[in-house]
Amino acid sequence: MTSPFPVIKNARKTLVGCAEEYLNRVNNDKKLRVFLNHHPIKNTELDLRIIFLDGNEQWFDLGFIVNASLVQGVARYKTYNRKKDRFQNRHEEPYQEALSLVREQSTLPITLQEWDIYTLL
């Protein structure tokens, strides 16, 4: 599925990178494992939200993704409408689909170290 905003590709890459890094660290930490109700933790159990602000710590204009989230296995991307002073949902996809799309576009392992958030904008 093609997303309606080209910038969703960058937000998706950041969201997937953060989620995979978090899952990797939590699931591979033997000291932490004793505190978990079960193992391994899955992406459907995450509640992860990332915001993107401009250099003045303000929401970007309508054409940019300002919020990417992963909740119960669903990735969502939102823009901000200054005139209406509200967020607008722009795209939603199952996390597995987002992960597959990122993997198709990258030959490297998906980890947080790949991303430099400032180069995404």
PDB file of N, CA and C in Angstrom:
ATOM      1  N   MET A   1       0.837  -1.171   0.000  1.00  0.00           N
ATOM      2  CA  MET A   1       0.000   0.000   0.000  1.00  0.00           C
ATOM      3  C   MET A   1       0.887   1.241   0.000  1.00  0.00           C
ATOM      4  N   THR A   2       0.580   2.195  -0.837  1.00  0.00           N
ATOM      5  CA  THR A   2       1.332   3.434  -0.903  1.00  0.00           C
ATOM      6  C   THR A   2       0.701   4.442   0.046  1.00  0.00           C
ATOM      7  N   SER A   3       1.519   5.074   0.870  1.00  0.00           N
ATOM      8  CA  SER A   3       0.996   6.039   1.823  1.00  0.00           C
ATOM      9  C   SER A   3       0.707   7.354   1.117  1.00  0.00           C
ATOM     10  N   PRO A   4      -0.273   8.126   1.612  1.00  0.00           N
ATOM     11  CA  PRO A   4      -0.653   9.372   0.950  1.00  0.00           C
ATOM     12  C   PRO A   4       0.385  10.481   1.080  1.00  0.00           C
ATOM     13  N   PHE A   5       1.239  10.429   2.061  1.00  0.00           N
ATOM     14  CA  PHE A   5       2.265  11.450   2.265  1.00  0.00           C
ATOM     15  C   PHE A   5       3.636  10.807   2.131  1.00  0.00           C
ATOM     16  N   PRO A   6       4.507  11.331   1.261  1.00  0.00           N
ATOM     17  CA  PRO A   6       5.839  10.740   1.119  1.00  0.00           C
ATOM     18  C   PRO A   6       6.631  10.755   2.419  1.00  0.00           C
ATOM     19  N   VAL A   7       6.367  11.719   3.303  1.00  0.00           N
ATOM     20  CA  VAL A   7       7.116  11.795   4.559  1.00  0.00           C
ATOM     21  C   VAL A   7       6.747  10.672   5.522  1.00  0.00           C
ATOM     22  N   ILE A   8       5.679   9.959   5.253  1.00  0.00           N
ATOM     23  CA  ILE A   8       5.322   8.812   6.095  1.00  0.00           C
ATOM     24  C   ILE A   8       6.436   7.773   6.034  1.00  0.00           C
ATOM     25  N   LYS A   9       7.103   7.672   4.918  1.00  0.00           N
ATOM     26  CA  LYS A   9       8.209   6.723   4.773  1.00  0.00           C
ATOM     27  C   LYS A   9       9.263   6.962   5.848  1.00  0.00           C
ATOM     28  N   ASN A  10       9.623   8.219   6.092  1.00  0.00           N
ATOM     29  CA  ASN A  10      10.624   8.551   7.107  1.00  0.00           C
ATOM     30  C   ASN A  10      10.095   8.314   8.517  1.00  0.00           C
ATOM     31  N   ALA A  11       8.846   8.694   8.757  1.00  0.00           N
ATOM     32  CA  ALA A  11       8.247   8.473  10.079  1.00  0.00           C
ATOM     33  C   ALA A  11       8.122   6.981  10.355  1.00  0.00           C
ATOM     34  N   ARG A  12       7.749   6.228   9.346  1.00  0.00           N
ATOM     35  CA  ARG A  12       7.636   4.765   9.477  1.00  0.00           C
ATOM     36  C   ARG A  12       8.985   4.156   9.827  1.00  0.00           C
ATOM     37  N   LYS A  13      10.025   4.597   9.135  1.00  0.00           N
ATOM     38  CA  LYS A  13      11.369   4.075   9.372  1.00  0.00           C
ATOM     39  C   LYS A  13      11.820   4.354  10.809  1.00  0.00           C
ATOM     40  N   THR A  14      11.509   5.543  11.306  1.00  0.00           N
ATOM     41  CA  THR A  14      11.860   5.903  12.676  1.00  0.00           C
ATOM     42  C   THR A  14      11.054   5.079  13.676  1.00  0.00           C
ATOM     43  N   LEU A  15       9.760   4.958  13.443  1.00  0.00           N
ATOM     44  CA  LEU A  15       8.893   4.197  14.343  1.00  0.00           C
ATOM     45  C   LEU A  15       9.319   2.734  14.406  1.00  0.00           C
ATOM     46  N   VAL A  16       9.537   2.125  13.264  1.00  0.00           N
ATOM     47  CA  VAL A  16       9.956   0.715  13.214  1.00  0.00           C
ATOM     48  C   VAL A  16      11.331   0.552  13.861  1.00  0.00           C
ATOM     49  N   GLY A  17      12.247   1.464  13.588  1.00  0.00           N
ATOM     50  CA  GLY A  17      13.578   1.390  14.189  1.00  0.00           C
ATOM     51  C   GLY A  17      13.523   1.443  15.706  1.00  0.00           C
ATOM     52  N   CYS A  18      12.724   2.357  16.240  1.00  0.00           N
ATOM     53  CA  CYS A  18      12.591   2.471  17.700  1.00  0.00           C
ATOM     54  C   CYS A  18      11.922   1.237  18.299  1.00  0.00           C
ATOM     55  N   ALA A  19      10.870   0.764  17.670  1.00  0.00           N
ATOM     56  CA  ALA A  19      10.150  -0.412  18.176  1.00  0.00           C
ATOM     57  C   ALA A  19      11.040  -1.650  18.159  1.00  0.00           C
ATOM     58  N   GLU A  20      11.751  -1.867  17.067  1.00  0.00           N
ATOM     59  CA  GLU A  20      12.609  -3.044  16.960  1.00  0.00           C
ATOM     60  C   GLU A  20      13.776  -2.980  17.939  1.00  0.00           C
ATOM     61  N   GLU A  21      14.338  -1.791  18.110  1.00  0.00           N
ATOM     62  CA  GLU A  21      15.434  -1.625  19.066  1.00  0.00           C
ATOM     63  C   GLU A  21      14.939  -1.907  20.484  1.00  0.00           C
ATOM     64  N   TYR A  22      13.782  -1.368  20.830  1.00  0.00           N
ATOM     65  CA  TYR A  22      13.219  -1.583  22.161  1.00  0.00           C
ATOM     66  C   TYR A  22      12.944  -3.077  22.394  1.00  0.00           C
ATOM     67  N   LEU A  23      12.264  -3.717  21.450  1.00  0.00           N
ATOM     68  CA  LEU A  23      11.964  -5.146  21.583  1.00  0.00           C
ATOM     69  C   LEU A  23      13.240  -5.973  21.696  1.00  0.00           C
ATOM     70  N   ASN A  24      14.233  -5.645  20.896  1.00  0.00           N
ATOM     71  CA  ASN A  24      15.504  -6.358  20.924  1.00  0.00           C
ATOM     72  C   ASN A  24      16.170  -6.229  22.297  1.00  0.00           C
ATOM     73  N   ARG A  25      16.213  -5.015  22.808  1.00  0.00           N
ATOM     74  CA  ARG A  25      16.870  -4.795  24.102  1.00  0.00           C
ATOM     75  C   ARG A  25      16.117  -5.475  25.246  1.00  0.00           C
ATOM     76  N   VAL A  26      14.808  -5.317  25.281  1.00  0.00           N
ATOM     77  CA  VAL A  26      14.014  -5.912  26.365  1.00  0.00           C
ATOM     78  C   VAL A  26      14.062  -7.431  26.293  1.00  0.00           C
ATOM     79  N   ASN A  27      13.881  -7.983  25.115  1.00  0.00           N
ATOM     80  CA  ASN A  27      13.814  -9.436  24.980  1.00  0.00           C
ATOM     81  C   ASN A  27      15.165 -10.126  25.151  1.00  0.00           C
ATOM     82  N   ASN A  28      16.258  -9.389  25.011  1.00  0.00           N
ATOM     83  CA  ASN A  28      17.588  -9.990  25.155  1.00  0.00           C
ATOM     84  C   ASN A  28      18.278  -9.651  26.476  1.00  0.00           C
ATOM     85  N   ASP A  29      17.592  -8.934  27.347  1.00  0.00           N
ATOM     86  CA  ASP A  29      18.172  -8.571  28.639  1.00  0.00           C
ATOM     87  C   ASP A  29      17.792  -9.618  29.685  1.00  0.00           C
ATOM     88  N   LYS A  30      18.735 -10.484  30.033  1.00  0.00           N
ATOM     89  CA  LYS A  30      18.452 -11.574  30.979  1.00  0.00           C
ATOM     90  C   LYS A  30      18.141 -11.053  32.374  1.00  0.00           C
ATOM     91  N   LYS A  31      18.733  -9.930  32.763  1.00  0.00           N
ATOM     92  CA  LYS A  31      18.450  -9.360  34.078  1.00  0.00           C
ATOM     93  C   LYS A  31      17.025  -8.813  34.154  1.00  0.00           C
ATOM     94  N   LEU A  32      16.548  -8.266  33.068  1.00  0.00           N
ATOM     95  CA  LEU A  32      15.201  -7.703  33.020  1.00  0.00           C
ATOM     96  C   LEU A  32      14.129  -8.790  32.924  1.00  0.00           C
ATOM     97  N   ARG A  33      14.466  -9.894  32.328  1.00  0.00           N
ATOM     98  CA  ARG A  33      13.508 -10.972  32.068  1.00  0.00           C
ATOM     99  C   ARG A  33      12.753 -11.421  33.324  1.00  0.00           C
ATOM    100  N   VAL A  34      13.403 -11.424  34.473  1.00  0.00           N
ATOM    101  CA  VAL A  34      12.747 -11.880  35.704  1.00  0.00           C
ATOM    102  C   VAL A  34      11.596 -10.962  36.125  1.00  0.00           C
ATOM    103  N   PHE A  35      11.576  -9.735  35.616  1.00  0.00           N
ATOM    104  CA  PHE A  35      10.518  -8.790  35.956  1.00  0.00           C
ATOM    105  C   PHE A  35       9.351  -8.819  34.959  1.00  0.00           C
ATOM    106  N   LEU A  36       9.497  -9.542  33.884  1.00  0.00           N
ATOM    107  CA  LEU A  36       8.455  -9.602  32.857  1.00  0.00           C
ATOM    108  C   LEU A  36       7.419 -10.667  33.205  1.00  0.00           C
ATOM    109  N   ASN A  37       6.161 -10.376  32.896  1.00  0.00           N
ATOM    110  CA  ASN A  37       5.094 -11.370  33.100  1.00  0.00           C
ATOM    111  C   ASN A  37       5.258 -12.555  32.163  1.00  0.00           C
ATOM    112  N   HIS A  38       5.769 -12.290  30.983  1.00  0.00           N
ATOM    113  CA  HIS A  38       6.028 -13.344  29.999  1.00  0.00           C
ATOM    114  C   HIS A  38       7.135 -12.877  29.051  1.00  0.00           C
ATOM    115  N   HIS A  39       7.646 -13.809  28.309  1.00  0.00           N
ATOM    116  CA  HIS A  39       8.753 -13.530  27.397  1.00  0.00           C
ATOM    117  C   HIS A  39       8.545 -14.361  26.138  1.00  0.00           C
ATOM    118  N   PRO A  40       8.784 -13.860  24.978  1.00  0.00           N
ATOM    119  CA  PRO A  40       9.239 -12.506  24.627  1.00  0.00           C
ATOM    120  C   PRO A  40       8.071 -11.516  24.547  1.00  0.00           C
ATOM    121  N   ILE A  41       8.417 -10.244  24.673  1.00  0.00           N
ATOM    122  CA  ILE A  41       7.454  -9.165  24.477  1.00  0.00           C
ATOM    123  C   ILE A  41       7.248  -9.021  22.972  1.00  0.00           C
ATOM    124  N   LYS A  42       6.004  -8.779  22.556  1.00  0.00           N
ATOM    125  CA  LYS A  42       5.674  -8.647  21.124  1.00  0.00           C
ATOM    126  C   LYS A  42       5.272  -7.209  20.800  1.00  0.00           C
ATOM    127  N   ASN A  43       5.314  -6.868  19.523  1.00  0.00           N
ATOM    128  CA  ASN A  43       4.969  -5.506  19.110  1.00  0.00           C
ATOM    129  C   ASN A  43       3.526  -5.157  19.431  1.00  0.00           C
ATOM    130  N   THR A  44       2.654  -6.146  19.534  1.00  0.00           N
ATOM    131  CA  THR A  44       1.246  -5.879  19.854  1.00  0.00           C
ATOM    132  C   THR A  44       1.064  -5.439  21.305  1.00  0.00           C
ATOM    133  N   GLU A  45       2.124  -5.546  22.103  1.00  0.00           N
ATOM    134  CA  GLU A  45       2.057  -5.158  23.509  1.00  0.00           C
ATOM    135  C   GLU A  45       2.683  -3.788  23.765  1.00  0.00           C
ATOM    136  N   LEU A  46       3.190  -3.163  22.726  1.00  0.00           N
ATOM    137  CA  LEU A  46       3.834  -1.861  22.889  1.00  0.00           C
ATOM    138  C   LEU A  46       2.837  -0.721  22.766  1.00  0.00           C
ATOM    139  N   ASP A  47       3.138   0.355  23.460  1.00  0.00           N
ATOM    140  CA  ASP A  47       2.444   1.624  23.309  1.00  0.00           C
ATOM    141  C   ASP A  47       3.554   2.655  23.156  1.00  0.00           C
ATOM    142  N   LEU A  48       3.918   2.931  21.913  1.00  0.00           N
ATOM    143  CA  LEU A  48       5.065   3.775  21.588  1.00  0.00           C
ATOM    144  C   LEU A  48       4.585   4.962  20.766  1.00  0.00           C
ATOM    145  N   ARG A  49       4.981   6.156  21.188  1.00  0.00           N
ATOM    146  CA  ARG A  49       4.584   7.374  20.471  1.00  0.00           C
ATOM    147  C   ARG A  49       5.809   8.263  20.276  1.00  0.00           C
ATOM    148  N   ILE A  50       5.954   8.776  19.075  1.00  0.00           N
ATOM    149  CA  ILE A  50       7.078   9.648  18.740  1.00  0.00           C
ATOM    150  C   ILE A  50       6.502  10.943  18.173  1.00  0.00           C
ATOM    151  N   ILE A  51       7.018  12.074  18.651  1.00  0.00           N
ATOM    152  CA  ILE A  51       6.592  13.355  18.093  1.00  0.00           C
ATOM    153  C   ILE A  51       7.765  13.988  17.355  1.00  0.00           C
ATOM    154  N   PHE A  52       7.437  14.738  16.332  1.00  0.00           N
ATOM    155  CA  PHE A  52       8.434  15.431  15.525  1.00  0.00           C
ATOM    156  C   PHE A  52       8.126  16.927  15.591  1.00  0.00           C
ATOM    157  N   LEU A  53       9.082  17.704  16.092  1.00  0.00           N
ATOM    158  CA  LEU A  53       8.920  19.151  16.214  1.00  0.00           C
ATOM    159  C   LEU A  53       9.959  19.863  15.360  1.00  0.00           C
ATOM    160  N   ASP A  54       9.660  21.111  15.005  1.00  0.00           N
ATOM    161  CA  ASP A  54      10.642  21.878  14.240  1.00  0.00           C
ATOM    162  C   ASP A  54      11.705  22.440  15.183  1.00  0.00           C
ATOM    163  N   GLY A  55      12.624  23.228  14.670  1.00  0.00           N
ATOM    164  CA  GLY A  55      13.719  23.777  15.457  1.00  0.00           C
ATOM    165  C   GLY A  55      13.275  24.703  16.576  1.00  0.00           C
ATOM    166  N   ASN A  56      12.052  25.217  16.486  1.00  0.00           N
ATOM    167  CA  ASN A  56      11.498  26.086  17.523  1.00  0.00           C
ATOM    168  C   ASN A  56      10.580  25.322  18.475  1.00  0.00           C
ATOM    169  N   GLU A  57      10.660  24.021  18.417  1.00  0.00           N
ATOM    170  CA  GLU A  57       9.826  23.131  19.234  1.00  0.00           C
ATOM    171  C   GLU A  57       8.337  23.363  19.009  1.00  0.00           C
ATOM    172  N   GLN A  58       7.978  23.595  17.759  1.00  0.00           N
ATOM    173  CA  GLN A  58       6.583  23.751  17.340  1.00  0.00           C
ATOM    174  C   GLN A  58       6.233  22.604  16.401  1.00  0.00           C
ATOM    175  N   TRP A  59       4.936  22.332  16.267  1.00  0.00           N
ATOM    176  CA  TRP A  59       4.504  21.310  15.324  1.00  0.00           C
ATOM    177  C   TRP A  59       4.829  21.760  13.901  1.00  0.00           C
ATOM    178  N   PHE A  60       5.223  20.825  13.070  1.00  0.00           N
ATOM    179  CA  PHE A  60       5.466  21.128  11.660  1.00  0.00           C
ATOM    180  C   PHE A  60       4.150  21.465  10.971  1.00  0.00           C
ATOM    181  N   ASP A  61       4.253  22.077   9.790  1.00  0.00           N
ATOM    182  CA  ASP A  61       3.065  22.393   9.003  1.00  0.00           C
ATOM    183  C   ASP A  61       2.363  21.132   8.540  1.00  0.00           C
ATOM    184  N   LEU A  62       1.191  21.308   7.992  1.00  0.00           N
ATOM    185  CA  LEU A  62       0.283  20.225   7.629  1.00  0.00           C
ATOM    186  C   LEU A  62       0.896  19.136   6.757  1.00  0.00           C
ATOM    187  N   GLY A  63       1.845  19.459   5.914  1.00  0.00           N
ATOM    188  CA  GLY A  63       2.418  18.456   5.017  1.00  0.00           C
ATOM    189  C   GLY A  63       3.402  17.500   5.666  1.00  0.00           C
ATOM    190  N   PHE A  64       3.696  17.678   6.956  1.00  0.00           N
ATOM    191  CA  PHE A  64       4.676  16.841   7.644  1.00  0.00           C
ATOM    192  C   PHE A  64       4.009  15.988   8.712  1.00  0.00           C
ATOM    193  N   ILE A  65       4.534  14.810   8.899  1.00  0.00           N
ATOM    194  CA  ILE A  65       4.067  13.954   9.979  1.00  0.00           C
ATOM    195  C   ILE A  65       4.632  14.510  11.285  1.00  0.00           C
ATOM    196  N   VAL A  66       3.768  14.717  12.271  1.00  0.00           N
ATOM    197  CA  VAL A  66       4.218  15.233  13.567  1.00  0.00           C
ATOM    198  C   VAL A  66       4.093  14.191  14.675  1.00  0.00           C
ATOM    199  N   ASN A  67       3.389  13.107  14.403  1.00  0.00           N
ATOM    200  CA  ASN A  67       3.180  12.074  15.411  1.00  0.00           C
ATOM    201  C   ASN A  67       3.135  10.716  14.720  1.00  0.00           C
ATOM    202  N   ALA A  68       3.959   9.802  15.207  1.00  0.00           N
ATOM    203  CA  ALA A  68       3.933   8.415  14.738  1.00  0.00           C
ATOM    204  C   ALA A  68       3.757   7.558  15.982  1.00  0.00           C
ATOM    205  N   SER A  69       2.823   6.608  15.917  1.00  0.00           N
ATOM    206  CA  SER A  69       2.580   5.798  17.104  1.00  0.00           C
ATOM    207  C   SER A  69       2.387   4.336  16.734  1.00  0.00           C
ATOM    208  N   LEU A  70       2.688   3.495  17.701  1.00  0.00           N
ATOM    209  CA  LEU A  70       2.448   2.064  17.593  1.00  0.00           C
ATOM    210  C   LEU A  70       1.670   1.670  18.838  1.00  0.00           C
ATOM    211  N   VAL A  71       0.420   1.302  18.648  1.00  0.00           N
ATOM    212  CA  VAL A  71      -0.446   0.910  19.758  1.00  0.00           C
ATOM    213  C   VAL A  71      -1.162  -0.385  19.370  1.00  0.00           C
ATOM    214  N   GLN A  72      -0.959  -1.412  20.183  1.00  0.00           N
ATOM    215  CA  GLN A  72      -1.593  -2.715  19.985  1.00  0.00           C
ATOM    216  C   GLN A  72      -1.409  -3.241  18.561  1.00  0.00           C
ATOM    217  N   GLY A  73      -0.197  -3.078  18.035  1.00  0.00           N
ATOM    218  CA  GLY A  73       0.128  -3.636  16.729  1.00  0.00           C
ATOM    219  C   GLY A  73      -0.315  -2.818  15.531  1.00  0.00           C
ATOM    220  N   VAL A  74      -0.787  -1.586  15.764  1.00  0.00           N
ATOM    221  CA  VAL A  74      -1.224  -0.717  14.671  1.00  0.00           C
ATOM    222  C   VAL A  74      -0.370   0.546  14.662  1.00  0.00           C
ATOM    223  N   ALA A  75       0.231   0.843  13.512  1.00  0.00           N
ATOM    224  CA  ALA A  75       1.031   2.060  13.327  1.00  0.00           C
ATOM    225  C   ALA A  75       0.126   3.154  12.767  1.00  0.00           C
ATOM    226  N   ARG A  76       0.208   4.332  13.385  1.00  0.00           N
ATOM    227  CA  ARG A  76      -0.602   5.467  12.937  1.00  0.00           C
ATOM    228  C   ARG A  76       0.303   6.679  12.755  1.00  0.00           C
ATOM    229  N   TYR A  77      -0.055   7.513  11.763  1.00  0.00           N
ATOM    230  CA  TYR A  77       0.728   8.700  11.441  1.00  0.00           C
ATOM    231  C   TYR A  77      -0.221   9.894  11.361  1.00  0.00           C
ATOM    232  N   LYS A  78       0.158  11.005  12.022  1.00  0.00           N
ATOM    233  CA  LYS A  78      -0.715  12.171  12.076  1.00  0.00           C
ATOM    234  C   LYS A  78       0.025  13.433  11.651  1.00  0.00           C
ATOM    235  N   THR A  79      -0.740  14.377  11.105  1.00  0.00           N
ATOM    236  CA  THR A  79      -0.254  15.714  10.810  1.00  0.00           C
ATOM    237  C   THR A  79      -0.938  16.671  11.781  1.00  0.00           C
ATOM    238  N   TYR A  80      -0.491  17.917  11.772  1.00  0.00           N
ATOM    239  CA  TYR A  80      -1.096  18.929  12.632  1.00  0.00           C
ATOM    240  C   TYR A  80      -1.630  20.059  11.770  1.00  0.00           C
ATOM    241  N   ASN A  81      -2.874  20.432  11.987  1.00  0.00           N
ATOM    242  CA  ASN A  81      -3.512  21.519  11.257  1.00  0.00           C
ATOM    243  C   ASN A  81      -3.525  22.761  12.155  1.00  0.00           C
ATOM    244  N   ARG A  82      -2.681  23.732  11.818  1.00  0.00           N
ATOM    245  CA  ARG A  82      -2.574  24.947  12.648  1.00  0.00           C
ATOM    246  C   ARG A  82      -3.880  25.754  12.664  1.00  0.00           C
ATOM    247  N   LYS A  83      -4.542  25.833  11.525  1.00  0.00           N
ATOM    248  CA  LYS A  83      -5.771  26.625  11.450  1.00  0.00           C
ATOM    249  C   LYS A  83      -6.858  26.063  12.366  1.00  0.00           C
ATOM    250  N   LYS A  84      -6.944  24.747  12.415  1.00  0.00           N
ATOM    251  CA  LYS A  84      -7.961  24.107  13.258  1.00  0.00           C
ATOM    252  C   LYS A  84      -7.423  23.741  14.637  1.00  0.00           C
ATOM    253  N   ASP A  85      -6.107  23.902  14.815  1.00  0.00           N
ATOM    254  CA  ASP A  85      -5.444  23.574  16.078  1.00  0.00           C
ATOM    255  C   ASP A  85      -5.768  22.149  16.522  1.00  0.00           C
ATOM    256  N   ARG A  86      -5.565  21.213  15.592  1.00  0.00           N
ATOM    257  CA  ARG A  86      -5.835  19.812  15.915  1.00  0.00           C
ATOM    258  C   ARG A  86      -5.031  18.868  15.027  1.00  0.00           C
ATOM    259  N   PHE A  87      -4.889  17.651  15.522  1.00  0.00           N
ATOM    260  CA  PHE A  87      -4.197  16.610  14.766  1.00  0.00           C
ATOM    261  C   PHE A  87      -5.162  15.976  13.783  1.00  0.00           C
ATOM    262  N   GLN A  88      -4.597  15.480  12.680  1.00  0.00           N
ATOM    263  CA  GLN A  88      -5.403  14.781  11.691  1.00  0.00           C
ATOM    264  C   GLN A  88      -4.730  13.451  11.380  1.00  0.00           C
ATOM    265  N   ASN A  89      -5.503  12.383  11.448  1.00  0.00           N
ATOM    266  CA  ASN A  89      -4.987  11.076  11.066  1.00  0.00           C
ATOM    267  C   ASN A  89      -4.730  11.077   9.568  1.00  0.00           C
ATOM    268  N   ARG A  90      -3.541  10.601   9.163  1.00  0.00           N
ATOM    269  CA  ARG A  90      -3.191  10.580   7.750  1.00  0.00           C
ATOM    270  C   ARG A  90      -3.024   9.176   7.197  1.00  0.00           C
ATOM    271  N   HIS A  91      -2.601   8.266   8.043  1.00  0.00           N
ATOM    272  CA  HIS A  91      -2.371   6.910   7.542  1.00  0.00           C
ATOM    273  C   HIS A  91      -2.330   5.956   8.725  1.00  0.00           C
ATOM    274  N   GLU A  92      -2.811   4.751   8.478  1.00  0.00           N
ATOM    275  CA  GLU A  92      -2.817   3.714   9.502  1.00  0.00           C
ATOM    276  C   GLU A  92      -2.508   2.386   8.809  1.00  0.00           C
ATOM    277  N   GLU A  93      -1.701   1.546   9.481  1.00  0.00           N
ATOM    278  CA  GLU A  93      -1.346   0.258   8.900  1.00  0.00           C
ATOM    279  C   GLU A  93      -0.966  -0.708  10.016  1.00  0.00           C
ATOM    280  N   PRO A  94      -1.157  -2.000   9.791  1.00  0.00           N
ATOM    281  CA  PRO A  94      -0.676  -2.968  10.781  1.00  0.00           C
ATOM    282  C   PRO A  94       0.847  -2.845  10.906  1.00  0.00           C
ATOM    283  N   TYR A  95       1.362  -3.023  12.120  1.00  0.00           N
ATOM    284  CA  TYR A  95       2.799  -2.886  12.331  1.00  0.00           C
ATOM    285  C   TYR A  95       3.584  -3.847  11.442  1.00  0.00           C
ATOM    286  N   GLN A  96       3.089  -5.051  11.264  1.00  0.00           N
ATOM    287  CA  GLN A  96       3.810  -6.032  10.435  1.00  0.00           C
ATOM    288  C   GLN A  96       3.972  -5.519   9.009  1.00  0.00           C
ATOM    289  N   GLU A  97       2.977  -4.784   8.522  1.00  0.00           N
ATOM    290  CA  GLU A  97       3.082  -4.188   7.183  1.00  0.00           C
ATOM    291  C   GLU A  97       4.147  -3.095   7.166  1.00  0.00           C
ATOM    292  N   ALA A  98       4.157  -2.264   8.200  1.00  0.00           N
ATOM    293  CA  ALA A  98       5.178  -1.203   8.301  1.00  0.00           C
ATOM    294  C   ALA A  98       6.570  -1.822   8.362  1.00  0.00           C
ATOM    295  N   LEU A  99       6.723  -2.869   9.158  1.00  0.00           N
ATOM    296  CA  LEU A  99       8.007  -3.562   9.282  1.00  0.00           C
ATOM    297  C   LEU A  99       8.440  -4.136   7.934  1.00  0.00           C
ATOM    298  N   SER A 100       7.528  -4.757   7.221  1.00  0.00           N
ATOM    299  CA  SER A 100       7.844  -5.319   5.902  1.00  0.00           C
ATOM    300  C   SER A 100       8.277  -4.238   4.919  1.00  0.00           C
ATOM    301  N   LEU A 101       7.574  -3.112   4.924  1.00  0.00           N
ATOM    302  CA  LEU A 101       7.933  -2.013   4.018  1.00  0.00           C
ATOM    303  C   LEU A 101       9.315  -1.471   4.323  1.00  0.00           C
ATOM    304  N   VAL A 102       9.644  -1.322   5.599  1.00  0.00           N
ATOM    305  CA  VAL A 102      10.973  -0.823   5.970  1.00  0.00           C
ATOM    306  C   VAL A 102      12.039  -1.836   5.579  1.00  0.00           C
ATOM    307  N   ARG A 103      11.767  -3.103   5.812  1.00  0.00           N
ATOM    308  CA  ARG A 103      12.738  -4.145   5.434  1.00  0.00           C
ATOM    309  C   ARG A 103      12.968  -4.182   3.928  1.00  0.00           C
ATOM    310  N   GLU A 104      11.928  -3.975   3.146  1.00  0.00           N
ATOM    311  CA  GLU A 104      12.065  -3.951   1.684  1.00  0.00           C
ATOM    312  C   GLU A 104      12.959  -2.806   1.226  1.00  0.00           C
ATOM    313  N   GLN A 105      12.916  -1.693   1.947  1.00  0.00           N
ATOM    314  CA  GLN A 105      13.639  -0.497   1.542  1.00  0.00           C
ATOM    315  C   GLN A 105      15.028  -0.401   2.152  1.00  0.00           C
ATOM    316  N   SER A 106      15.401  -1.363   2.990  1.00  0.00           N
ATOM    317  CA  SER A 106      16.689  -1.293   3.670  1.00  0.00           C
ATOM    318  C   SER A 106      17.380  -2.644   3.612  1.00  0.00           C
ATOM    319  N   THR A 107      18.665  -2.624   3.383  1.00  0.00           N
ATOM    320  CA  THR A 107      19.430  -3.866   3.377  1.00  0.00           C
ATOM    321  C   THR A 107      20.118  -4.086   4.721  1.00  0.00           C
ATOM    322  N   LEU A 108      20.067  -3.075   5.593  1.00  0.00           N
ATOM    323  CA  LEU A 108      20.703  -3.170   6.901  1.00  0.00           C
ATOM    324  C   LEU A 108      19.728  -3.717   7.931  1.00  0.00           C
ATOM    325  N   PRO A 109      20.229  -4.280   9.032  1.00  0.00           N
ATOM    326  CA  PRO A 109      19.335  -4.669  10.118  1.00  0.00           C
ATOM    327  C   PRO A 109      18.619  -3.438  10.659  1.00  0.00           C
ATOM    328  N   ILE A 110      17.404  -3.604  11.100  1.00  0.00           N
ATOM    329  CA  ILE A 110      16.630  -2.483  11.587  1.00  0.00           C
ATOM    330  C   ILE A 110      16.921  -2.270  13.063  1.00  0.00           C
ATOM    331  N   THR A 111      17.682  -1.215  13.348  1.00  0.00           N
ATOM    332  CA  THR A 111      17.973  -0.835  14.725  1.00  0.00           C
ATOM    333  C   THR A 111      17.962   0.674  14.806  1.00  0.00           C
ATOM    334  N   LEU A 112      17.859   1.173  15.999  1.00  0.00           N
ATOM    335  CA  LEU A 112      17.791   2.605  16.208  1.00  0.00           C
ATOM    336  C   LEU A 112      19.039   3.321  15.715  1.00  0.00           C
ATOM    337  N   GLN A 113      20.193   2.672  15.760  1.00  0.00           N
ATOM    338  CA  GLN A 113      21.429   3.327  15.355  1.00  0.00           C
ATOM    339  C   GLN A 113      21.420   3.743  13.884  1.00  0.00           C
ATOM    340  N   GLU A 114      20.574   3.133  13.078  1.00  0.00           N
ATOM    341  CA  GLU A 114      20.502   3.502  11.663  1.00  0.00           C
ATOM    342  C   GLU A 114      19.984   4.914  11.454  1.00  0.00           C
ATOM    343  N   TRP A 115      19.122   5.373  12.314  1.00  0.00           N
ATOM    344  CA  TRP A 115      18.386   6.598  12.056  1.00  0.00           C
ATOM    345  C   TRP A 115      19.076   7.807  12.683  1.00  0.00           C
ATOM    346  N   ASP A 116      19.103   8.866  11.966  1.00  0.00           N
ATOM    347  CA  ASP A 116      19.473  10.160  12.502  1.00  0.00           C
ATOM    348  C   ASP A 116      18.263  11.041  12.262  1.00  0.00           C
ATOM    349  N   ILE A 117      17.501  11.273  13.306  1.00  0.00           N
ATOM    350  CA  ILE A 117      16.198  11.924  13.165  1.00  0.00           C
ATOM    351  C   ILE A 117      16.301  13.273  12.475  1.00  0.00           C
ATOM    352  N   TYR A 118      17.417  13.964  12.649  1.00  0.00           N
ATOM    353  CA  TYR A 118      17.530  15.292  12.041  1.00  0.00           C
ATOM    354  C   TYR A 118      17.698  15.222  10.523  1.00  0.00           C
ATOM    355  N   THR A 119      18.172  14.105  10.012  1.00  0.00           N
ATOM    356  CA  THR A 119      18.315  13.982   8.560  1.00  0.00           C
ATOM    357  C   THR A 119      17.028  13.509   7.910  1.00  0.00           C
ATOM    358  N   LEU A 120      16.029  13.119   8.723  1.00  0.00           N
ATOM    359  CA  LEU A 120      14.786  12.624   8.166  1.00  0.00           C
ATOM    360  C   LEU A 120      13.885  13.745   7.676  1.00  0.00           C
ATOM    361  N   LEU A 121      14.113  14.938   8.162  1.00  0.00           N
ATOM    362  CA  LEU A 121      13.180  16.027   7.854  1.00  0.00           C
ATOM    363  C   LEU A 121      13.644  16.902   6.724  1.00  0.00           C
TER     364      LEU A 121
END
